Every structure is written in structure tokens, then in C-alpha cells.
PDB file of N, CA and C in Angstrom:
ATOM      1  N   MET A   1     102.226  -3.261 -40.929  1.00  0.00           N
ATOM      2  CA  MET A   1     101.639  -2.353 -40.039  1.00  0.00           C
ATOM      3  C   MET A   1     101.396  -3.039 -38.944  1.00  0.00           C
ATOM      4  N   THR A   2     101.679  -2.362 -37.617  1.00  0.00           N
ATOM      5  CA  THR A   2     101.184  -3.084 -36.588  1.00  0.00           C
ATOM      6  C   THR A   2      99.788  -2.744 -36.042  1.00  0.00           C
ATOM      7  N   HIS A   3      99.108  -3.446 -35.142  1.00  0.00           N
ATOM      8  CA  HIS A   3      97.747  -2.877 -34.643  1.00  0.00           C
ATOM      9  C   HIS A   3      97.753  -1.556 -34.069  1.00  0.00           C
ATOM     10  N   LYS A   4      98.821  -1.329 -33.336  1.00  0.00           N
ATOM     11  CA  LYS A   4      98.394   0.039 -32.629  1.00  0.00           C
ATOM     12  C   LYS A   4      98.775   1.225 -33.519  1.00  0.00           C
ATOM     13  N   ASP A   5      99.460   1.128 -34.779  1.00  0.00           N
ATOM     14  CA  ASP A   5      99.697   2.041 -36.163  1.00  0.00           C
ATOM     15  C   ASP A   5      98.151   2.417 -36.604  1.00  0.00           C
ATOM     16  N   ILE A   6      97.284   1.527 -36.290  1.00  0.00           N
ATOM     17  CA  ILE A   6      95.997   1.888 -37.035  1.00  0.00           C
ATOM     18  C   ILE A   6      95.204   2.798 -36.061  1.00  0.00           C
ATOM     19  N   ASN A   7      94.827   4.219 -36.535  1.00  0.00           N
ATOM     20  CA  ASN A   7      93.892   4.990 -36.096  1.00  0.00           C
ATOM     21  C   ASN A   7      92.650   5.161 -36.354  1.00  0.00           C
ATOM     22  N   VAL A   8      92.190   4.397 -37.370  1.00  0.00           N
ATOM     23  CA  VAL A   8      90.823   4.271 -37.737  1.00  0.00           C
ATOM     24  C   VAL A   8      90.056   3.044 -37.649  1.00  0.00           C
ATOM     25  N   ALA A   9      89.236   3.042 -37.161  1.00  0.00           N
ATOM     26  CA  ALA A   9      88.365   1.801 -37.292  1.00  0.00           C
ATOM     27  C   ALA A   9      86.873   2.075 -37.544  1.00  0.00           C
ATOM     28  N   VAL A  10      86.356   0.915 -38.248  1.00  0.00           N
ATOM     29  CA  VAL A  10      85.267   0.941 -38.848  1.00  0.00           C
ATOM     30  C   VAL A  10      84.372  -0.017 -38.445  1.00  0.00           C
ATOM     31  N   TYR A  11      83.018   0.163 -37.920  1.00  0.00           N
ATOM     32  CA  TYR A  11      82.054  -0.736 -37.205  1.00  0.00           C
ATOM     33  C   TYR A  11      81.102  -1.199 -38.440  1.00  0.00           C
ATOM     34  N   THR A  12      80.827  -2.546 -38.676  1.00  0.00           N
ATOM     35  CA  THR A  12      80.216  -2.946 -40.011  1.00  0.00           C
ATOM     36  C   THR A  12      79.247  -4.025 -39.886  1.00  0.00           C
ATOM     37  N   THR A  13      78.524  -4.311 -40.524  1.00  0.00           N
ATOM     38  CA  THR A  13      77.876  -5.634 -40.842  1.00  0.00           C
ATOM     39  C   THR A  13      77.979  -5.992 -42.098  1.00  0.00           C
ATOM     40  N   SER A  14      77.693  -7.397 -42.684  1.00  0.00           N
ATOM     41  CA  SER A  14      77.982  -7.556 -44.035  1.00  0.00           C
ATOM     42  C   SER A  14      76.910  -6.956 -44.771  1.00  0.00           C
ATOM     43  N   TRP A  15      75.804  -6.754 -44.309  1.00  0.00           N
ATOM     44  CA  TRP A  15      74.369  -6.344 -45.349  1.00  0.00           C
ATOM     45  C   TRP A  15      74.615  -4.775 -45.407  1.00  0.00           C
ATOM     46  N   CYS A  16      75.369  -4.077 -44.863  1.00  0.00           N
ATOM     47  CA  CYS A  16      75.185  -2.779 -44.793  1.00  0.00           C
ATOM     48  C   CYS A  16      75.790  -1.882 -45.760  1.00  0.00           C
ATOM     49  N   VAL A  17      74.897  -1.287 -46.588  1.00  0.00           N
ATOM     50  CA  VAL A  17      75.512  -0.452 -47.932  1.00  0.00           C
ATOM     51  C   VAL A  17      76.474   0.611 -47.706  1.00  0.00           C
ATOM     52  N   TYR A  18      76.034   1.196 -46.776  1.00  0.00           N
ATOM     53  CA  TYR A  18      76.776   2.494 -46.326  1.00  0.00           C
ATOM     54  C   TYR A  18      78.190   2.104 -45.616  1.00  0.00           C
ATOM     55  N   CYS A  19      78.060   0.832 -45.098  1.00  0.00           N
ATOM     56  CA  CYS A  19      79.444   0.447 -44.597  1.00  0.00           C
ATOM     57  C   CYS A  19      80.486   0.251 -45.340  1.00  0.00           C
ATOM     58  N   ARG A  20      79.884  -0.396 -46.504  1.00  0.00           N
ATOM     59  CA  ARG A  20      80.781  -0.626 -47.761  1.00  0.00           C
ATOM     60  C   ARG A  20      81.236   0.664 -48.640  1.00  0.00           C
ATOM     61  N   ALA A  21      80.346   1.653 -48.673  1.00  0.00           N
ATOM     62  CA  ALA A  21      80.607   2.904 -48.796  1.00  0.00           C
ATOM     63  C   ALA A  21      81.832   3.773 -48.124  1.00  0.00           C
ATOM     64  N   VAL A  22      81.598   3.540 -47.021  1.00  0.00           N
ATOM     65  CA  VAL A  22      82.753   4.028 -45.734  1.00  0.00           C
ATOM     66  C   VAL A  22      84.097   3.416 -46.311  1.00  0.00           C
ATOM     67  N   LYS A  23      84.059   1.899 -46.091  1.00  0.00           N
ATOM     68  CA  LYS A  23      85.190   1.276 -46.406  1.00  0.00           C
ATOM     69  C   LYS A  23      85.977   1.875 -47.652  1.00  0.00           C
ATOM     70  N   GLU A  24      85.179   1.983 -48.865  1.00  0.00           N
ATOM     71  CA  GLU A  24      85.501   2.372 -50.323  1.00  0.00           C
ATOM     72  C   GLU A  24      86.204   3.630 -50.162  1.00  0.00           C
ATOM     73  N   TYR A  25      85.344   4.502 -49.513  1.00  0.00           N
ATOM     74  CA  TYR A  25      85.827   5.897 -49.402  1.00  0.00           C
ATOM     75  C   TYR A  25      87.391   6.011 -48.686  1.00  0.00           C
ATOM     76  N   LEU A  26      87.658   5.413 -47.753  1.00  0.00           N
ATOM     77  CA  LEU A  26      88.567   5.155 -46.970  1.00  0.00           C
ATOM     78  C   LEU A  26      89.566   4.981 -47.844  1.00  0.00           C
ATOM     79  N   LYS A  27      89.496   3.717 -48.489  1.00  0.00           N
ATOM     80  CA  LYS A  27      90.625   2.949 -49.390  1.00  0.00           C
ATOM     81  C   LYS A  27      90.680   4.164 -50.321  1.00  0.00           C
ATOM     82  N   ASP A  28      89.933   4.743 -51.040  1.00  0.00           N
ATOM     83  CA  ASP A  28      90.295   5.469 -52.143  1.00  0.00           C
ATOM     84  C   ASP A  28      90.989   6.978 -51.464  1.00  0.00           C
ATOM     85  N   ARG A  29      91.104   7.193 -50.467  1.00  0.00           N
ATOM     86  CA  ARG A  29      91.924   8.167 -49.665  1.00  0.00           C
ATOM     87  C   ARG A  29      93.351   7.582 -49.129  1.00  0.00           C
ATOM     88  N   LYS A  30      93.169   6.363 -49.299  1.00  0.00           N
ATOM     89  CA  LYS A  30      94.397   5.545 -49.043  1.00  0.00           C
ATOM     90  C   LYS A  30      94.592   5.681 -47.389  1.00  0.00           C
ATOM     91  N   VAL A  31      93.511   5.821 -46.733  1.00  0.00           N
ATOM     92  CA  VAL A  31      93.405   5.425 -45.475  1.00  0.00           C
ATOM     93  C   VAL A  31      93.382   4.090 -44.676  1.00  0.00           C
ATOM     94  N   SER A  32      94.435   3.666 -43.929  1.00  0.00           N
ATOM     95  CA  SER A  32      94.225   2.433 -43.340  1.00  0.00           C
ATOM     96  C   SER A  32      93.494   2.290 -42.214  1.00  0.00           C
ATOM     97  N   PHE A  33      92.566   1.371 -41.970  1.00  0.00           N
ATOM     98  CA  PHE A  33      91.418   0.991 -41.099  1.00  0.00           C
ATOM     99  C   PHE A  33      91.530  -0.242 -40.614  1.00  0.00           C
ATOM    100  N   LYS A  34      90.833  -0.534 -39.404  1.00  0.00           N
ATOM    101  CA  LYS A  34      90.769  -1.943 -38.706  1.00  0.00           C
ATOM    102  C   LYS A  34      89.094  -2.059 -38.970  1.00  0.00           C
ATOM    103  N   GLU A  35      88.649  -2.971 -39.457  1.00  0.00           N
ATOM    104  CA  GLU A  35      87.264  -3.393 -39.451  1.00  0.00           C
ATOM    105  C   GLU A  35      86.699  -4.014 -38.477  1.00  0.00           C
ATOM    106  N   VAL A  36      85.782  -3.766 -37.755  1.00  0.00           N
ATOM    107  CA  VAL A  36      85.237  -4.536 -36.900  1.00  0.00           C
ATOM    108  C   VAL A  36      83.637  -4.885 -37.206  1.00  0.00           C
ATOM    109  N   ASP A  37      83.358  -6.116 -37.298  1.00  0.00           N
ATOM    110  CA  ASP A  37      82.191  -6.684 -37.941  1.00  0.00           C
ATOM    111  C   ASP A  37      81.454  -7.256 -36.884  1.00  0.00           C
ATOM    112  N   VAL A  38      80.639  -6.037 -36.538  1.00  0.00           N
ATOM    113  CA  VAL A  38      79.450  -6.263 -35.058  1.00  0.00           C
ATOM    114  C   VAL A  38      78.496  -7.543 -35.272  1.00  0.00           C
ATOM    115  N   GLU A  39      78.177  -7.772 -36.446  1.00  0.00           N
ATOM    116  CA  GLU A  39      77.187  -8.768 -36.843  1.00  0.00           C
ATOM    117  C   GLU A  39      77.825 -10.216 -36.345  1.00  0.00           C
ATOM    118  N   HIS A  40      79.056 -10.575 -36.062  1.00  0.00           N
ATOM    119  CA  HIS A  40      80.026 -11.518 -35.973  1.00  0.00           C
ATOM    120  C   HIS A  40      80.425 -11.411 -34.474  1.00  0.00           C
ATOM    121  N   ASP A  41      80.858 -10.106 -33.897  1.00  0.00           N
ATOM    122  CA  ASP A  41      81.590  -9.910 -33.062  1.00  0.00           C
ATOM    123  C   ASP A  41      80.667  -9.192 -32.066  1.00  0.00           C
ATOM    124  N   GLN A  42      79.927  -9.892 -31.015  1.00  0.00           N
ATOM    125  CA  GLN A  42      78.981  -9.527 -30.035  1.00  0.00           C
ATOM    126  C   GLN A  42      79.570  -8.808 -29.028  1.00  0.00           C
ATOM    127  N   ASP A  43      80.748  -8.969 -28.441  1.00  0.00           N
ATOM    128  CA  ASP A  43      81.466  -8.021 -27.462  1.00  0.00           C
ATOM    129  C   ASP A  43      81.679  -6.970 -28.017  1.00  0.00           C
ATOM    130  N   ALA A  44      82.182  -6.773 -29.204  1.00  0.00           N
ATOM    131  CA  ALA A  44      82.467  -5.198 -30.031  1.00  0.00           C
ATOM    132  C   ALA A  44      81.054  -4.403 -30.047  1.00  0.00           C
ATOM    133  N   ALA A  45      79.944  -5.519 -30.621  1.00  0.00           N
ATOM    134  CA  ALA A  45      78.525  -4.907 -30.791  1.00  0.00           C
ATOM    135  C   ALA A  45      78.139  -4.055 -29.190  1.00  0.00           C
ATOM    136  N   ARG A  46      78.349  -4.960 -28.291  1.00  0.00           N
ATOM    137  CA  ARG A  46      78.060  -4.428 -27.001  1.00  0.00           C
ATOM    138  C   ARG A  46      78.623  -3.199 -26.562  1.00  0.00           C
ATOM    139  N   ALA A  47      80.014  -3.139 -26.990  1.00  0.00           N
ATOM    140  CA  ALA A  47      80.647  -2.208 -26.574  1.00  0.00           C
ATOM    141  C   ALA A  47      80.673  -0.835 -27.237  1.00  0.00           C
ATOM    142  N   LEU A  48      80.319  -1.060 -28.505  1.00  0.00           N
ATOM    143  CA  LEU A  48      79.782   0.019 -29.492  1.00  0.00           C
ATOM    144  C   LEU A  48      78.482   0.702 -28.811  1.00  0.00           C
ATOM    145  N   VAL A  49      77.117   0.019 -28.842  1.00  0.00           N
ATOM    146  CA  VAL A  49      76.123   0.392 -28.180  1.00  0.00           C
ATOM    147  C   VAL A  49      76.454   1.268 -26.782  1.00  0.00           C
ATOM    148  N   GLU A  50      77.296   0.818 -25.720  1.00  0.00           N
ATOM    149  CA  GLU A  50      77.963   1.530 -24.683  1.00  0.00           C
ATOM    150  C   GLU A  50      78.311   2.766 -25.111  1.00  0.00           C
ATOM    151  N   ARG A  51      79.255   2.783 -26.138  1.00  0.00           N
ATOM    152  CA  ARG A  51      79.796   4.094 -26.167  1.00  0.00           C
ATOM    153  C   ARG A  51      79.268   4.995 -27.112  1.00  0.00           C
ATOM    154  N   THR A  52      78.254   4.426 -27.756  1.00  0.00           N
ATOM    155  CA  THR A  52      77.650   5.564 -28.656  1.00  0.00           C
ATOM    156  C   THR A  52      75.834   5.747 -28.424  1.00  0.00           C
ATOM    157  N   GLY A  53      75.495   4.706 -27.413  1.00  0.00           N
ATOM    158  CA  GLY A  53      74.100   4.648 -27.264  1.00  0.00           C
ATOM    159  C   GLY A  53      73.121   4.540 -28.197  1.00  0.00           C
ATOM    160  N   GLN A  54      73.647   3.859 -29.481  1.00  0.00           N
ATOM    161  CA  GLN A  54      72.844   3.418 -30.781  1.00  0.00           C
ATOM    162  C   GLN A  54      73.575   2.112 -31.361  1.00  0.00           C
ATOM    163  N   ALA A  55      72.862   0.978 -31.805  1.00  0.00           N
ATOM    164  CA  ALA A  55      73.369   0.105 -32.476  1.00  0.00           C
ATOM    165  C   ALA A  55      73.447   0.023 -34.077  1.00  0.00           C
ATOM    166  N   GLY A  56      73.333   1.392 -34.624  1.00  0.00           N
ATOM    167  CA  GLY A  56      73.241   1.525 -35.730  1.00  0.00           C
ATOM    168  C   GLY A  56      74.750   1.504 -36.528  1.00  0.00           C
ATOM    169  N   VAL A  57      74.942   1.121 -37.748  1.00  0.00           N
ATOM    170  CA  VAL A  57      76.339   1.216 -38.410  1.00  0.00           C
ATOM    171  C   VAL A  57      76.057   1.755 -39.891  1.00  0.00           C
ATOM    172  N   PRO A  58      77.317   2.464 -40.368  1.00  0.00           N
ATOM    173  CA  PRO A  58      78.528   2.422 -39.796  1.00  0.00           C
ATOM    174  C   PRO A  58      78.605   3.254 -38.904  1.00  0.00           C
ATOM    175  N   VAL A  59      79.910   2.968 -37.962  1.00  0.00           N
ATOM    176  CA  VAL A  59      80.408   3.917 -36.933  1.00  0.00           C
ATOM    177  C   VAL A  59      81.868   3.878 -37.396  1.00  0.00           C
ATOM    178  N   VAL A  60      82.383   4.996 -37.502  1.00  0.00           N
ATOM    179  CA  VAL A  60      83.883   5.243 -37.765  1.00  0.00           C
ATOM    180  C   VAL A  60      84.561   6.139 -36.814  1.00  0.00           C
ATOM    181  N   GLU A  61      85.597   5.451 -36.295  1.00  0.00           N
ATOM    182  CA  GLU A  61      86.512   6.059 -34.957  1.00  0.00           C
ATOM    183  C   GLU A  61      87.464   6.456 -35.622  1.00  0.00           C
ATOM    184  N   ILE A  62      87.835   7.770 -35.660  1.00  0.00           N
ATOM    185  CA  ILE A  62      89.014   8.264 -36.065  1.00  0.00           C
ATOM    186  C   ILE A  62      89.792   8.962 -34.733  1.00  0.00           C
ATOM    187  N   GLY A  63      90.710   8.492 -34.422  1.00  0.00           N
ATOM    188  CA  GLY A  63      91.394   8.876 -33.096  1.00  0.00           C
ATOM    189  C   GLY A  63      90.531   8.897 -31.946  1.00  0.00           C
ATOM    190  N   GLU A  64      90.374  10.170 -31.344  1.00  0.00           N
ATOM    191  CA  GLU A  64      89.230  10.282 -30.405  1.00  0.00           C
ATOM    192  C   GLU A  64      87.643  10.598 -30.887  1.00  0.00           C
ATOM    193  N   GLU A  65      87.594  10.897 -32.127  1.00  0.00           N
ATOM    194  CA  GLU A  65      86.119  11.276 -32.577  1.00  0.00           C
ATOM    195  C   GLU A  65      85.644   9.686 -33.260  1.00  0.00           C
ATOM    196  N   THR A  66      84.173   9.857 -32.791  1.00  0.00           N
ATOM    197  CA  THR A  66      83.436   9.001 -33.401  1.00  0.00           C
ATOM    198  C   THR A  66      82.205   9.765 -34.349  1.00  0.00           C
ATOM    199  N   ILE A  67      82.325   8.761 -35.381  1.00  0.00           N
ATOM    200  CA  ILE A  67      81.607   9.360 -36.313  1.00  0.00           C
ATOM    201  C   ILE A  67      80.452   8.619 -36.782  1.00  0.00           C
ATOM    202  N   ILE A  68      78.974   8.755 -36.430  1.00  0.00           N
ATOM    203  CA  ILE A  68      78.013   7.774 -36.744  1.00  0.00           C
ATOM    204  C   ILE A  68      77.243   7.637 -38.146  1.00  0.00           C
ATOM    205  N   GLY A  69      77.425   6.909 -38.911  1.00  0.00           N
ATOM    206  CA  GLY A  69      77.132   6.943 -40.174  1.00  0.00           C
ATOM    207  C   GLY A  69      78.009   7.216 -41.259  1.00  0.00           C
ATOM    208  N   PHE A  70      77.564   7.424 -42.711  1.00  0.00           N
ATOM    209  CA  PHE A  70      78.766   7.860 -43.747  1.00  0.00           C
ATOM    210  C   PHE A  70      78.457   9.097 -43.815  1.00  0.00           C
ATOM    211  N   ASN A  71      79.366  10.028 -43.215  1.00  0.00           N
ATOM    212  CA  ASN A  71      79.222  11.375 -43.318  1.00  0.00           C
ATOM    213  C   ASN A  71      80.813  11.818 -43.710  1.00  0.00           C
ATOM    214  N   ARG A  72      80.785  12.040 -44.885  1.00  0.00           N
ATOM    215  CA  ARG A  72      81.824  12.666 -45.625  1.00  0.00           C
ATOM    216  C   ARG A  72      82.608  13.661 -45.196  1.00  0.00           C
ATOM    217  N   GLN A  73      81.842  14.779 -44.805  1.00  0.00           N
ATOM    218  CA  GLN A  73      82.682  16.068 -44.036  1.00  0.00           C
ATOM    219  C   GLN A  73      83.255  15.590 -42.775  1.00  0.00           C
ATOM    220  N   ALA A  74      82.370  14.820 -42.013  1.00  0.00           N
ATOM    221  CA  ALA A  74      83.023  14.714 -40.859  1.00  0.00           C
ATOM    222  C   ALA A  74      83.993  13.562 -40.631  1.00  0.00           C
ATOM    223  N   ILE A  75      84.086  12.885 -41.665  1.00  0.00           N
ATOM    224  CA  ILE A  75      85.490  11.932 -41.726  1.00  0.00           C
ATOM    225  C   ILE A  75      86.418  12.484 -42.208  1.00  0.00           C
ATOM    226  N   ASP A  76      86.314  13.578 -43.438  1.00  0.00           N
ATOM    227  CA  ASP A  76      87.272  14.332 -43.615  1.00  0.00           C
ATOM    228  C   ASP A  76      88.024  15.237 -42.712  1.00  0.00           C
ATOM    229  N   GLY A  77      87.039  15.894 -41.912  1.00  0.00           N
ATOM    230  CA  GLY A  77      87.451  16.722 -40.819  1.00  0.00           C
ATOM    231  C   GLY A  77      88.215  16.099 -39.903  1.00  0.00           C
ATOM    232  N   ALA A  78      88.012  14.721 -39.222  1.00  0.00           N
ATOM    233  CA  ALA A  78      88.656  14.205 -38.331  1.00  0.00           C
ATOM    234  C   ALA A  78      90.097  13.478 -38.921  1.00  0.00           C
ATOM    235  N   LEU A  79      89.839  13.150 -40.153  1.00  0.00           N
ATOM    236  CA  LEU A  79      91.156  12.602 -41.088  1.00  0.00           C
ATOM    237  C   LEU A  79      92.244  13.856 -40.613  1.00  0.00           C
ATOM    238  N   ARG A  80      91.821  14.924 -41.257  1.00  0.00           N
ATOM    239  CA  ARG A  80      92.835  16.311 -41.139  1.00  0.00           C
ATOM    240  C   ARG A  80      92.929  16.536 -39.876  1.00  0.00           C
ATOM    241  N   ASP A  81      92.496  16.378 -38.816  1.00  0.00           N
ATOM    242  CA  ASP A  81      92.517  16.609 -37.475  1.00  0.00           C
ATOM    243  C   ASP A  81      93.645  15.900 -36.988  1.00  0.00           C
ATOM    244  N   ASN A  82      93.526  14.752 -37.616  1.00  0.00           N
ATOM    245  CA  ASN A  82      94.402  13.470 -36.818  1.00  0.00           C
ATOM    246  C   ASN A  82      95.549  13.183 -37.847  1.00  0.00           C
ATOM    247  N   LYS A  83      95.848  14.126 -38.630  1.00  0.00           N
ATOM    248  CA  LYS A  83      96.963  14.202 -39.541  1.00  0.00           C
ATOM    249  C   LYS A  83      97.030  12.837 -40.499  1.00  0.00           C
ATOM    250  N   LEU A  84      95.997  12.229 -40.611  1.00  0.00           N
ATOM    251  CA  LEU A  84      95.887  11.174 -41.700  1.00  0.00           C
ATOM    252  C   LEU A  84      95.796  11.191 -43.200  1.00  0.00           C
ATOM    253  N   VAL A  85      95.322  12.416 -43.442  1.00  0.00           N
ATOM    254  CA  VAL A  85      95.518  12.671 -44.947  1.00  0.00           C
ATOM    255  C   VAL A  85      96.186  14.241 -45.225  1.00  0.00           C
TER     256      VAL A  85
END
């Protein structure tokens, strides 16, 4: 799978319980995703704050949709909208 084939990004930190839950949820649904660890990637952390207006994680980007937090309903809707499930 090439980088451009990945339509889902999950912004995380190592200590975030909900970040782990989002990643497990996506894996269980067999959805490929790119993980961006904003704890270690300061450029990504700054860009995330600029896009979302806040620094909390997890943030899930699915296609053009940005979901803040572990919101199963919003994630499922975005996955369906982007034909990833």
C-alpha cells in the first residue's frame, strides 16, 4: 500500500487511552490508517492545532472529515461516506 492510498489518519500520543481505542476500532473494522504521533512530531502537532483549533487527541481524519475524539457514530458515518467500509 502506498502512502497516497491511505485515506485515514489518526493523530495520537503514547499516553492517550482513547487513541489506543480508536486504533483498535479501526483495525477491527479492517480500515488502514496512518498514525501521526503528535507527542513526537511537533510540526504535525502545530498543524493539527491550526486545523482544529485545539490540541486534544485523538483526532481522526477520514477523507475531508475531521473527527475530534473517539466518536464511533461519526467515524462510521465518515467511513461509509468515503466508501472505506
